[in-house]
Each structure stands twice: as structure tokens, then as C-alpha cells.
Amino acid sequence: MNKTELIAAIAEEAGLSKKDAEKALKAFTDVVAAQMKKGEKVQIVGFGTFEVSERSEREGRNPQTGEPMTIAASRTPKFKAGKALKDSIN
């Protein structure tokens, strides 16, 4: 499912126009991204948790030359599915 199909499905499920569904989806993704950027986690009970994972600096290798190199520390987004979501899939 791509973004357009998701917007159409949200519009049909919620009884909204596609334009309103697109605004709602954009607002949701913007809010989640802004909170994660601040280091906050967003928890939706029954669905899951969006949070930021800290990755420390580590040694790696350049795949072309095989030379050792340092990979800088970074922050990466992470999603952990909630129990209700896991149960509904299985």
C-alpha cells in the first residue's frame, strides 16, 4: 500500500473526503516527526510506540577498499508494535 492508497482507505473508513484524509495523515506524520526530533516518544495504546534510538560511534569497514573507518554516532527512528496490533496480525 502506498501513500495514495492509504489516504483513500482512511477517507473511506472515516467517511472523510480524500483531501481531509490527506490533511489528517500529514498532520499525524508531522506531529510524530516533531516529537521524535525533540527526543520524545509517541505511544498509541493498542497500536505501538514511535521512539528515537541512540546509536553510538562504532568501527566499520569501507566495503570498496576494506579500510577501517569510524561510523559517527546517530539517532534513528524506531517503531515497536503494541500487543493488540501483534495479536490482530497473528
Protein backbone atom coordinates (compact mmCIF):
# COMPACT_ATOMS: atom_id res chain seq x y z
CA MET A 1 0.00 0.00 0.00
CA ASN A 2 1.40 3.38 -0.95
CA LYS A 3 0.51 6.82 0.43
CA THR A 4 -2.27 7.48 -2.11
CA GLU A 5 -3.92 4.14 -1.36
CA LEU A 6 -3.60 4.78 2.37
CA ILE A 7 -5.28 8.19 2.02
CA ALA A 8 -8.13 6.62 0.02
CA ALA A 9 -8.58 3.87 2.66
CA ILE A 10 -8.59 6.41 5.53
CA ALA A 11 -11.13 8.56 3.67
CA GLU A 12 -13.44 5.59 3.11
CA GLU A 13 -13.10 4.20 6.66
CA ALA A 14 -13.62 7.55 8.40
CA GLY A 15 -16.18 8.98 5.97
CA LEU A 16 -13.92 11.90 5.05
CA SER A 17 -13.02 13.44 1.74
CA LYS A 18 -9.66 12.42 0.31
CA LYS A 19 -8.41 15.97 0.84
CA ASP A 20 -9.35 15.87 4.55
CA ALA A 21 -7.84 12.39 4.95
CA GLU A 22 -4.60 13.65 3.36
CA LYS A 23 -4.52 16.61 5.79
CA ALA A 24 -5.09 14.27 8.74
CA LEU A 25 -2.33 11.89 7.62
CA LYS A 26 0.10 14.78 7.06
CA ALA A 27 -0.73 16.25 10.48
CA PHE A 28 -0.15 12.87 12.12
CA THR A 29 3.23 12.31 10.46
CA ASP A 30 4.33 15.91 11.14
CA VAL A 31 3.45 15.67 14.84
CA VAL A 32 5.15 12.28 15.27
CA ALA A 33 8.28 13.51 13.46
CA ALA A 34 8.41 16.74 15.52
CA GLN A 35 8.09 14.87 18.81
CA MET A 36 10.76 12.35 17.81
CA LYS A 37 13.06 15.18 16.75
CA LYS A 38 12.75 16.54 20.31
CA GLY A 39 13.65 13.09 21.66
CA GLU A 40 10.10 12.37 22.87
CA LYS A 41 8.30 9.11 22.23
CA VAL A 42 4.77 8.85 20.86
CA GLN A 43 2.77 5.99 22.33
CA ILE A 44 -0.55 4.93 20.83
CA VAL A 45 -2.09 2.35 23.15
CA GLY A 46 -3.06 -0.78 21.25
CA PHE A 47 -1.04 0.19 18.17
CA GLY A 48 2.56 0.84 19.14
CA THR A 49 5.27 3.27 20.11
CA PHE A 50 7.37 5.56 17.93
CA GLU A 51 10.68 6.49 19.58
CA VAL A 52 14.25 7.56 18.89
CA SER A 53 17.08 5.10 19.32
CA GLU A 54 20.59 6.35 20.02
CA ARG A 55 23.38 4.62 18.09
CA SER A 56 26.87 5.07 19.46
CA GLU A 57 30.00 5.67 17.41
CA ARG A 58 31.47 2.43 16.09
CA GLU A 59 34.17 0.97 13.88
CA GLY A 60 33.22 -0.16 10.39
CA ARG A 61 34.90 -1.00 7.11
CA ASN A 62 34.74 0.70 3.74
CA PRO A 63 33.15 -2.02 1.54
CA GLN A 64 35.13 -0.95 -1.54
CA THR A 65 38.61 -0.79 -0.02
CA GLY A 66 38.26 -2.77 3.19
CA GLU A 67 39.87 0.07 5.16
CA PRO A 68 38.67 0.56 8.73
CA MET A 69 36.63 3.70 9.30
CA THR A 70 34.68 5.31 12.11
CA ILE A 71 30.90 5.46 11.78
CA ALA A 72 29.60 8.52 13.62
CA ALA A 73 27.04 8.34 16.41
CA SER A 74 23.47 8.95 15.23
CA ARG A 75 19.83 8.92 16.20
CA THR A 76 17.41 6.69 14.32
CA PRO A 77 13.62 6.36 14.42
CA LYS A 78 12.20 3.13 15.79
CA PHE A 79 8.69 1.64 15.94
CA LYS A 80 7.69 -1.03 18.42
CA ALA A 81 4.34 -2.69 17.73
CA GLY A 82 1.88 -2.93 20.61
CA LYS A 83 0.35 -6.16 21.89
CA ALA A 84 -3.09 -5.52 20.35
CA LEU A 85 -1.54 -4.93 16.91
CA LYS A 86 0.59 -8.08 17.19
CA ASP A 87 -2.44 -10.11 18.30
CA SER A 88 -4.60 -8.83 15.43
CA ILE A 89 -1.97 -9.88 12.88
CA ASN A 90 -1.50 -13.39 14.28
